[in-house]
Full PDB file with SEQRES, HELIX, SHEET, SSBOND, CRYST1, ORIGX, SCALE, CONECT and MASTER records, all heavy atoms in Angstrom:
SEQRES   1 A   35  THR LEU GLY GLY GLY ALA LEU PHE GLY PHE THR VAL THR          
SEQRES   2 A   35  LEU ILE ALA ALA SER PHE SER SER THR ILE GLY ALA THR          
SEQRES   3 A   35  ILE ALA CYS SER VAL SER ARG TYR ILE                          
HELIX    1 AA1 LEU A    2  PHE A    8  1                                   7    
HELIX    2 AA2 PHE A   10  TYR A   34  1                                  25    
CRYST1    1.000    1.000    1.000  90.00  90.00  90.00 P 1           1          
ORIGX1      1.000000  0.000000  0.000000        0.00000                         
ORIGX2      0.000000  1.000000  0.000000        0.00000                         
ORIGX3      0.000000  0.000000  1.000000        0.00000                         
SCALE1      1.000000  0.000000  0.000000        0.00000                         
SCALE2      0.000000  1.000000  0.000000        0.00000                         
SCALE3      0.000000  0.000000  1.000000        0.00000                         
ATOM      1  N   THR A   1      10.960 -53.915 -61.915  1.00  0.00           N  
ATOM      2  CA  THR A   1      10.960 -55.140 -62.812  1.00  0.00           C  
ATOM      3  C   THR A   1       9.521 -55.678 -62.871  1.00  0.00           C  
ATOM      4  O   THR A   1       8.983 -56.001 -63.957  1.00  0.00           O  
ATOM      5  CB  THR A   1      11.929 -56.256 -62.323  1.00  0.00           C  
ATOM      6  OG1 THR A   1      13.214 -55.696 -62.195  1.00  0.00           O  
ATOM      7  CG2 THR A   1      11.851 -57.456 -63.249  1.00  0.00           C  
ATOM      8  N   LEU A   2       8.823 -55.793 -61.705  1.00  0.00           N  
ATOM      9  CA  LEU A   2       7.411 -56.286 -61.700  1.00  0.00           C  
ATOM     10  C   LEU A   2       6.571 -55.300 -62.406  1.00  0.00           C  
ATOM     11  O   LEU A   2       5.695 -55.737 -63.136  1.00  0.00           O  
ATOM     12  CB  LEU A   2       7.036 -56.454 -60.232  1.00  0.00           C  
ATOM     13  CG  LEU A   2       7.745 -57.565 -59.487  1.00  0.00           C  
ATOM     14  CD1 LEU A   2       7.310 -57.588 -58.017  1.00  0.00           C  
ATOM     15  CD2 LEU A   2       7.438 -58.951 -60.139  1.00  0.00           C  
ATOM     16  N   GLY A   3       6.741 -53.959 -62.202  1.00  0.00           N  
ATOM     17  CA  GLY A   3       5.926 -52.994 -62.887  1.00  0.00           C  
ATOM     18  C   GLY A   3       6.137 -53.009 -64.429  1.00  0.00           C  
ATOM     19  O   GLY A   3       5.222 -52.936 -65.189  1.00  0.00           O  
ATOM     20  N   GLY A   4       7.376 -53.227 -64.797  1.00  0.00           N  
ATOM     21  CA  GLY A   4       7.727 -53.392 -66.231  1.00  0.00           C  
ATOM     22  C   GLY A   4       7.025 -54.587 -66.815  1.00  0.00           C  
ATOM     23  O   GLY A   4       6.481 -54.579 -67.903  1.00  0.00           O  
ATOM     24  N   GLY A   5       7.005 -55.723 -66.072  1.00  0.00           N  
ATOM     25  CA  GLY A   5       6.324 -56.885 -66.456  1.00  0.00           C  
ATOM     26  C   GLY A   5       4.828 -56.699 -66.749  1.00  0.00           C  
ATOM     27  O   GLY A   5       4.269 -57.136 -67.686  1.00  0.00           O  
ATOM     28  N   ALA A   6       4.230 -55.987 -65.785  1.00  0.00           N  
ATOM     29  CA  ALA A   6       2.805 -55.635 -65.887  1.00  0.00           C  
ATOM     30  C   ALA A   6       2.543 -54.767 -67.116  1.00  0.00           C  
ATOM     31  O   ALA A   6       1.520 -54.935 -67.779  1.00  0.00           O  
ATOM     32  CB  ALA A   6       2.358 -55.015 -64.568  1.00  0.00           C  
ATOM     33  N   LEU A   7       3.417 -53.812 -67.354  1.00  0.00           N  
ATOM     34  CA  LEU A   7       3.173 -52.866 -68.401  1.00  0.00           C  
ATOM     35  C   LEU A   7       3.623 -53.335 -69.783  1.00  0.00           C  
ATOM     36  O   LEU A   7       2.863 -53.258 -70.743  1.00  0.00           O  
ATOM     37  CB  LEU A   7       3.893 -51.480 -68.106  1.00  0.00           C  
ATOM     38  CG  LEU A   7       3.680 -50.398 -69.071  1.00  0.00           C  
ATOM     39  CD1 LEU A   7       2.209 -49.968 -69.136  1.00  0.00           C  
ATOM     40  CD2 LEU A   7       4.537 -49.216 -68.608  1.00  0.00           C  
ATOM     41  N   PHE A   8       4.763 -53.938 -69.844  1.00  0.00           N  
ATOM     42  CA  PHE A   8       5.383 -54.278 -71.117  1.00  0.00           C  
ATOM     43  C   PHE A   8       5.219 -55.798 -71.515  1.00  0.00           C  
ATOM     44  O   PHE A   8       5.413 -56.200 -72.650  1.00  0.00           O  
ATOM     45  CB  PHE A   8       6.879 -53.955 -71.219  1.00  0.00           C  
ATOM     46  CG  PHE A   8       7.205 -52.537 -70.836  1.00  0.00           C  
ATOM     47  CD1 PHE A   8       8.134 -52.204 -69.909  1.00  0.00           C  
ATOM     48  CD2 PHE A   8       6.588 -51.552 -71.541  1.00  0.00           C  
ATOM     49  CE1 PHE A   8       8.426 -50.996 -69.585  1.00  0.00           C  
ATOM     50  CE2 PHE A   8       6.849 -50.203 -71.258  1.00  0.00           C  
ATOM     51  CZ  PHE A   8       7.859 -49.881 -70.265  1.00  0.00           C  
ATOM     52  N   GLY A   9       4.926 -56.603 -70.542  1.00  0.00           N  
ATOM     53  CA  GLY A   9       4.882 -58.047 -70.726  1.00  0.00           C  
ATOM     54  C   GLY A   9       6.211 -58.690 -70.390  1.00  0.00           C  
ATOM     55  O   GLY A   9       7.226 -58.093 -70.171  1.00  0.00           O  
ATOM     56  N   PHE A  10       6.205 -60.071 -70.278  1.00  0.00           N  
ATOM     57  CA  PHE A  10       7.346 -60.769 -69.821  1.00  0.00           C  
ATOM     58  C   PHE A  10       8.586 -60.594 -70.677  1.00  0.00           C  
ATOM     59  O   PHE A  10       9.667 -60.246 -70.192  1.00  0.00           O  
ATOM     60  CB  PHE A  10       7.037 -62.286 -69.683  1.00  0.00           C  
ATOM     61  CG  PHE A  10       8.139 -63.097 -69.317  1.00  0.00           C  
ATOM     62  CD1 PHE A  10       8.610 -63.137 -67.960  1.00  0.00           C  
ATOM     63  CD2 PHE A  10       8.780 -63.921 -70.221  1.00  0.00           C  
ATOM     64  CE1 PHE A  10       9.659 -63.954 -67.589  1.00  0.00           C  
ATOM     65  CE2 PHE A  10       9.918 -64.642 -69.899  1.00  0.00           C  
ATOM     66  CZ  PHE A  10      10.348 -64.676 -68.517  1.00  0.00           C  
ATOM     67  N   THR A  11       8.452 -60.838 -71.985  1.00  0.00           N  
ATOM     68  CA  THR A  11       9.574 -60.860 -72.861  1.00  0.00           C  
ATOM     69  C   THR A  11      10.284 -59.506 -72.962  1.00  0.00           C  
ATOM     70  O   THR A  11      11.482 -59.426 -72.881  1.00  0.00           O  
ATOM     71  CB  THR A  11       9.199 -61.371 -74.262  1.00  0.00           C  
ATOM     72  OG1 THR A  11       8.509 -62.659 -74.149  1.00  0.00           O  
ATOM     73  CG2 THR A  11      10.409 -61.545 -75.121  1.00  0.00           C  
ATOM     74  N   VAL A  12       9.542 -58.472 -73.188  1.00  0.00           N  
ATOM     75  CA  VAL A  12      10.148 -57.171 -73.319  1.00  0.00           C  
ATOM     76  C   VAL A  12      10.794 -56.757 -71.974  1.00  0.00           C  
ATOM     77  O   VAL A  12      11.891 -56.258 -71.953  1.00  0.00           O  
ATOM     78  CB  VAL A  12       9.029 -56.102 -73.713  1.00  0.00           C  
ATOM     79  CG1 VAL A  12       9.638 -54.703 -73.666  1.00  0.00           C  
ATOM     80  CG2 VAL A  12       8.483 -56.398 -75.055  1.00  0.00           C  
ATOM     81  N   THR A  13      10.134 -57.003 -70.912  1.00  0.00           N  
ATOM     82  CA  THR A  13      10.735 -56.667 -69.595  1.00  0.00           C  
ATOM     83  C   THR A  13      12.005 -57.532 -69.278  1.00  0.00           C  
ATOM     84  O   THR A  13      12.924 -57.033 -68.727  1.00  0.00           O  
ATOM     85  CB  THR A  13       9.730 -56.833 -68.470  1.00  0.00           C  
ATOM     86  OG1 THR A  13       8.570 -56.052 -68.773  1.00  0.00           O  
ATOM     87  CG2 THR A  13      10.281 -56.389 -67.162  1.00  0.00           C  
ATOM     88  N   LEU A  14      11.931 -58.752 -69.703  1.00  0.00           N  
ATOM     89  CA  LEU A  14      13.093 -59.656 -69.476  1.00  0.00           C  
ATOM     90  C   LEU A  14      14.343 -59.010 -70.198  1.00  0.00           C  
ATOM     91  O   LEU A  14      15.379 -58.921 -69.589  1.00  0.00           O  
ATOM     92  CB  LEU A  14      12.870 -61.035 -69.930  1.00  0.00           C  
ATOM     93  CG  LEU A  14      14.037 -61.987 -69.898  1.00  0.00           C  
ATOM     94  CD1 LEU A  14      14.382 -62.312 -68.455  1.00  0.00           C  
ATOM     95  CD2 LEU A  14      13.674 -63.264 -70.648  1.00  0.00           C  
ATOM     96  N   ILE A  15      14.120 -58.656 -71.407  1.00  0.00           N  
ATOM     97  CA  ILE A  15      15.231 -58.102 -72.201  1.00  0.00           C  
ATOM     98  C   ILE A  15      15.651 -56.686 -71.687  1.00  0.00           C  
ATOM     99  O   ILE A  15      16.831 -56.477 -71.452  1.00  0.00           O  
ATOM    100  CB  ILE A  15      14.887 -58.075 -73.704  1.00  0.00           C  
ATOM    101  CG1 ILE A  15      14.720 -59.486 -74.248  1.00  0.00           C  
ATOM    102  CG2 ILE A  15      15.929 -57.285 -74.499  1.00  0.00           C  
ATOM    103  CD1 ILE A  15      14.016 -59.508 -75.584  1.00  0.00           C  
ATOM    104  N   ALA A  16      14.665 -55.845 -71.422  1.00  0.00           N  
ATOM    105  CA  ALA A  16      15.015 -54.449 -71.036  1.00  0.00           C  
ATOM    106  C   ALA A  16      15.626 -54.441 -69.621  1.00  0.00           C  
ATOM    107  O   ALA A  16      16.650 -53.739 -69.432  1.00  0.00           O  
ATOM    108  CB  ALA A  16      13.734 -53.630 -71.064  1.00  0.00           C  
ATOM    109  N   ALA A  17      15.097 -55.242 -68.720  1.00  0.00           N  
ATOM    110  CA  ALA A  17      15.653 -55.287 -67.346  1.00  0.00           C  
ATOM    111  C   ALA A  17      16.997 -55.936 -67.320  1.00  0.00           C  
ATOM    112  O   ALA A  17      17.879 -55.465 -66.567  1.00  0.00           O  
ATOM    113  CB  ALA A  17      14.648 -55.986 -66.365  1.00  0.00           C  
ATOM    114  N   SER A  18      17.211 -56.975 -68.094  1.00  0.00           N  
ATOM    115  CA  SER A  18      18.544 -57.589 -68.113  1.00  0.00           C  
ATOM    116  C   SER A  18      19.639 -56.652 -68.635  1.00  0.00           C  
ATOM    117  O   SER A  18      20.701 -56.500 -67.995  1.00  0.00           O  
ATOM    118  CB  SER A  18      18.490 -58.871 -69.008  1.00  0.00           C  
ATOM    119  OG  SER A  18      17.614 -59.814 -68.432  1.00  0.00           O  
ATOM    120  N   PHE A  19      19.316 -55.986 -69.767  1.00  0.00           N  
ATOM    121  CA  PHE A  19      20.307 -55.023 -70.282  1.00  0.00           C  
ATOM    122  C   PHE A  19      20.542 -53.919 -69.366  1.00  0.00           C  
ATOM    123  O   PHE A  19      21.660 -53.430 -69.100  1.00  0.00           O  
ATOM    124  CB  PHE A  19      19.962 -54.565 -71.631  1.00  0.00           C  
ATOM    125  CG  PHE A  19      20.286 -55.517 -72.821  1.00  0.00           C  
ATOM    126  CD1 PHE A  19      19.301 -56.339 -73.353  1.00  0.00           C  
ATOM    127  CD2 PHE A  19      21.588 -55.619 -73.191  1.00  0.00           C  
ATOM    128  CE1 PHE A  19      19.645 -57.211 -74.353  1.00  0.00           C  
ATOM    129  CE2 PHE A  19      21.974 -56.516 -74.196  1.00  0.00           C  
ATOM    130  CZ  PHE A  19      20.970 -57.298 -74.831  1.00  0.00           C  
ATOM    131  N   SER A  20      19.400 -53.354 -68.845  1.00  0.00           N  
ATOM    132  CA  SER A  20      19.494 -52.176 -67.944  1.00  0.00           C  
ATOM    133  C   SER A  20      20.280 -52.465 -66.677  1.00  0.00           C  
ATOM    134  O   SER A  20      21.082 -51.680 -66.222  1.00  0.00           O  
ATOM    135  CB  SER A  20      18.078 -51.646 -67.592  1.00  0.00           C  
ATOM    136  OG  SER A  20      17.408 -51.302 -68.849  1.00  0.00           O  
ATOM    137  N   SER A  21      19.996 -53.630 -66.041  1.00  0.00           N  
ATOM    138  CA  SER A  21      20.656 -53.938 -64.793  1.00  0.00           C  
ATOM    139  C   SER A  21      22.138 -54.204 -65.053  1.00  0.00           C  
ATOM    140  O   SER A  21      22.951 -53.825 -64.258  1.00  0.00           O  
ATOM    141  CB  SER A  21      20.046 -55.105 -64.150  1.00  0.00           C  
ATOM    142  OG  SER A  21      20.142 -56.300 -64.886  1.00  0.00           O  
ATOM    143  N   THR A  22      22.475 -54.777 -66.125  1.00  0.00           N  
ATOM    144  CA  THR A  22      23.884 -55.051 -66.495  1.00  0.00           C  
ATOM    145  C   THR A  22      24.625 -53.733 -66.779  1.00  0.00           C  
ATOM    146  O   THR A  22      25.729 -53.458 -66.216  1.00  0.00           O  
ATOM    147  CB  THR A  22      23.982 -55.879 -67.715  1.00  0.00           C  
ATOM    148  OG1 THR A  22      23.328 -57.181 -67.397  1.00  0.00           O  
ATOM    149  CG2 THR A  22      25.423 -56.217 -68.089  1.00  0.00           C  
ATOM    150  N   ILE A  23      24.033 -52.806 -67.498  1.00  0.00           N  
ATOM    151  CA  ILE A  23      24.688 -51.549 -67.748  1.00  0.00           C  
ATOM    152  C   ILE A  23      24.792 -50.728 -66.495  1.00  0.00           C  
ATOM    153  O   ILE A  23      25.825 -50.114 -66.152  1.00  0.00           O  
ATOM    154  CB  ILE A  23      23.745 -50.692 -68.790  1.00  0.00           C  
ATOM    155  CG1 ILE A  23      23.853 -51.423 -70.148  1.00  0.00           C  
ATOM    156  CG2 ILE A  23      24.306 -49.237 -68.906  1.00  0.00           C  
ATOM    157  CD1 ILE A  23      22.876 -50.862 -71.151  1.00  0.00           C  
ATOM    158  N   GLY A  24      23.705 -50.715 -65.614  1.00  0.00           N  
ATOM    159  CA  GLY A  24      23.756 -49.975 -64.345  1.00  0.00           C  
ATOM    160  C   GLY A  24      24.805 -50.562 -63.390  1.00  0.00           C  
ATOM    161  O   GLY A  24      25.564 -49.809 -62.748  1.00  0.00           O  
ATOM    162  N   ALA A  25      24.936 -51.859 -63.304  1.00  0.00           N  
ATOM    163  CA  ALA A  25      25.937 -52.508 -62.434  1.00  0.00           C  
ATOM    164  C   ALA A  25      27.390 -52.198 -62.966  1.00  0.00           C  
ATOM    165  O   ALA A  25      28.293 -51.967 -62.177  1.00  0.00           O  
ATOM    166  CB  ALA A  25      25.740 -54.011 -62.407  1.00  0.00           C  
ATOM    167  N   THR A  26      27.548 -52.196 -64.253  1.00  0.00           N  
ATOM    168  CA  THR A  26      28.818 -51.828 -64.889  1.00  0.00           C  
ATOM    169  C   THR A  26      29.193 -50.412 -64.583  1.00  0.00           C  
ATOM    170  O   THR A  26      30.319 -50.106 -64.206  1.00  0.00           O  
ATOM    171  CB  THR A  26      28.778 -52.067 -66.371  1.00  0.00           C  
ATOM    172  OG1 THR A  26      28.439 -53.457 -66.657  1.00  0.00           O  
ATOM    173  CG2 THR A  26      30.123 -51.725 -67.021  1.00  0.00           C  
ATOM    174  N   ILE A  27      28.250 -49.462 -64.670  1.00  0.00           N  
ATOM    175  CA  ILE A  27      28.486 -48.084 -64.334  1.00  0.00           C  
ATOM    176  C   ILE A  27      28.872 -47.950 -62.841  1.00  0.00           C  
ATOM    177  O   ILE A  27      29.838 -47.290 -62.571  1.00  0.00           O  
ATOM    178  CB  ILE A  27      27.249 -47.194 -64.679  1.00  0.00           C  
ATOM    179  CG1 ILE A  27      27.084 -47.129 -66.204  1.00  0.00           C  
ATOM    180  CG2 ILE A  27      27.460 -45.857 -64.078  1.00  0.00           C  
ATOM    181  CD1 ILE A  27      25.809 -46.478 -66.636  1.00  0.00           C  
ATOM    182  N   ALA A  28      28.138 -48.581 -61.980  1.00  0.00           N  
ATOM    183  CA  ALA A  28      28.332 -48.542 -60.589  1.00  0.00           C  
ATOM    184  C   ALA A  28      29.755 -48.991 -60.192  1.00  0.00           C  
ATOM    185  O   ALA A  28      30.544 -48.483 -59.483  1.00  0.00           O  
ATOM    186  CB  ALA A  28      27.280 -49.227 -59.743  1.00  0.00           C  
ATOM    187  N   CYS A  29      30.109 -50.221 -60.780  1.00  0.00           N  
ATOM    188  CA  CYS A  29      31.418 -50.812 -60.544  1.00  0.00           C  
ATOM    189  C   CYS A  29      32.540 -49.869 -61.053  1.00  0.00           C  
ATOM    190  O   CYS A  29      33.537 -49.633 -60.404  1.00  0.00           O  
ATOM    191  CB  CYS A  29      31.437 -52.184 -61.187  1.00  0.00           C  
ATOM    192  SG  CYS A  29      32.986 -53.109 -60.828  1.00  0.00           S  
ATOM    193  N   SER A  30      32.331 -49.402 -62.275  1.00  0.00           N  
ATOM    194  CA  SER A  30      33.392 -48.497 -62.867  1.00  0.00           C  
ATOM    195  C   SER A  30      33.595 -47.249 -62.106  1.00  0.00           C  
ATOM    196  O   SER A  30      34.741 -46.822 -61.902  1.00  0.00           O  
ATOM    197  CB  SER A  30      33.016 -48.213 -64.352  1.00  0.00           C  
ATOM    198  OG  SER A  30      33.014 -49.428 -65.122  1.00  0.00           O  
ATOM    199  N   VAL A  31      32.526 -46.633 -61.699  1.00  0.00           N  
ATOM    200  CA  VAL A  31      32.597 -45.389 -60.924  1.00  0.00           C  
ATOM    201  C   VAL A  31      33.288 -45.607 -59.605  1.00  0.00           C  
ATOM    202  O   VAL A  31      34.230 -44.889 -59.164  1.00  0.00           O  
ATOM    203  CB  VAL A  31      31.223 -44.750 -60.702  1.00  0.00           C  
ATOM    204  CG1 VAL A  31      31.262 -43.660 -59.658  1.00  0.00           C  
ATOM    205  CG2 VAL A  31      30.695 -44.191 -62.008  1.00  0.00           C  
ATOM    206  N   SER A  32      32.923 -46.684 -58.897  1.00  0.00           N  
ATOM    207  CA  SER A  32      33.531 -46.986 -57.632  1.00  0.00           C  
ATOM    208  C   SER A  32      34.983 -47.408 -57.708  1.00  0.00           C  
ATOM    209  O   SER A  32      35.825 -47.096 -56.894  1.00  0.00           O  
ATOM    210  CB  SER A  32      32.724 -48.025 -56.854  1.00  0.00           C  
ATOM    211  OG  SER A  32      32.789 -49.186 -57.467  1.00  0.00           O  
ATOM    212  N   ARG A  33      35.327 -48.096 -58.842  1.00  0.00           N  
ATOM    213  CA  ARG A  33      36.674 -48.630 -58.965  1.00  0.00           C  
ATOM    214  C   ARG A  33      37.597 -47.519 -59.449  1.00  0.00           C  
ATOM    215  O   ARG A  33      38.762 -47.429 -58.971  1.00  0.00           O  
ATOM    216  CB  ARG A  33      36.674 -49.709 -60.029  1.00  0.00           C  
ATOM    217  CG  ARG A  33      38.044 -50.335 -60.266  1.00  0.00           C  
ATOM    218  CD  ARG A  33      37.933 -51.502 -61.168  1.00  0.00           C  
ATOM    219  NE  ARG A  33      39.274 -51.982 -61.373  1.00  0.00           N  
ATOM    220  CZ  ARG A  33      39.749 -53.188 -60.998  1.00  0.00           C  
ATOM    221  NH1 ARG A  33      38.923 -54.046 -60.508  1.00  0.00           N  
ATOM    222  NH2 ARG A  33      40.934 -53.512 -61.267  1.00  0.00           N  
ATOM    223  N   TYR A  34      37.166 -46.658 -60.336  1.00  0.00           N  
ATOM    224  CA  TYR A  34      38.120 -45.680 -60.947  1.00  0.00           C  
ATOM    225  C   TYR A  34      37.920 -44.258 -60.448  1.00  0.00           C  
ATOM    226  O   TYR A  34      38.892 -43.526 -60.365  1.00  0.00           O  
ATOM    227  CB  TYR A  34      37.966 -45.681 -62.502  1.00  0.00           C  
ATOM    228  CG  TYR A  34      38.265 -47.002 -63.091  1.00  0.00           C  
ATOM    229  CD1 TYR A  34      37.312 -47.780 -63.661  1.00  0.00           C  
ATOM    230  CD2 TYR A  34      39.591 -47.498 -63.013  1.00  0.00           C  
ATOM    231  CE1 TYR A  34      37.582 -49.059 -64.203  1.00  0.00           C  
ATOM    232  CE2 TYR A  34      39.864 -48.740 -63.582  1.00  0.00           C  
ATOM    233  CZ  TYR A  34      38.883 -49.532 -64.183  1.00  0.00           C  
ATOM    234  OH  TYR A  34      39.174 -50.719 -64.685  1.00  0.00           O  
ATOM    235  N   ILE A  35      36.779 -43.868 -60.008  1.00  0.00           N  
ATOM    236  CA  ILE A  35      36.570 -42.497 -59.519  1.00  0.00           C  
ATOM    237  C   ILE A  35      36.517 -42.406 -58.026  1.00  0.00           C  
ATOM    238  O   ILE A  35      37.196 -41.582 -57.460  1.00  0.00           O  
ATOM    239  CB  ILE A  35      35.305 -41.947 -60.190  1.00  0.00           C  
ATOM    240  CG1 ILE A  35      35.435 -41.877 -61.734  1.00  0.00           C  
ATOM    241  CG2 ILE A  35      34.991 -40.555 -59.653  1.00  0.00           C  
ATOM    242  CD1 ILE A  35      34.190 -41.453 -62.444  1.00  0.00           C  
TER     243      ILE A  35                                                      
MASTER        0    0    0    2    0    0    0    6  242    1    0    3          
END                                                                             
């Protein structure tokens, strides 16, 4: 996240990291719950 902020700037990283962490957490939860 910090590296993304340095490279992309605050706003782009905020949006990208928020969506990415949500998608990743959803995948982790779904895999552990169903598989």
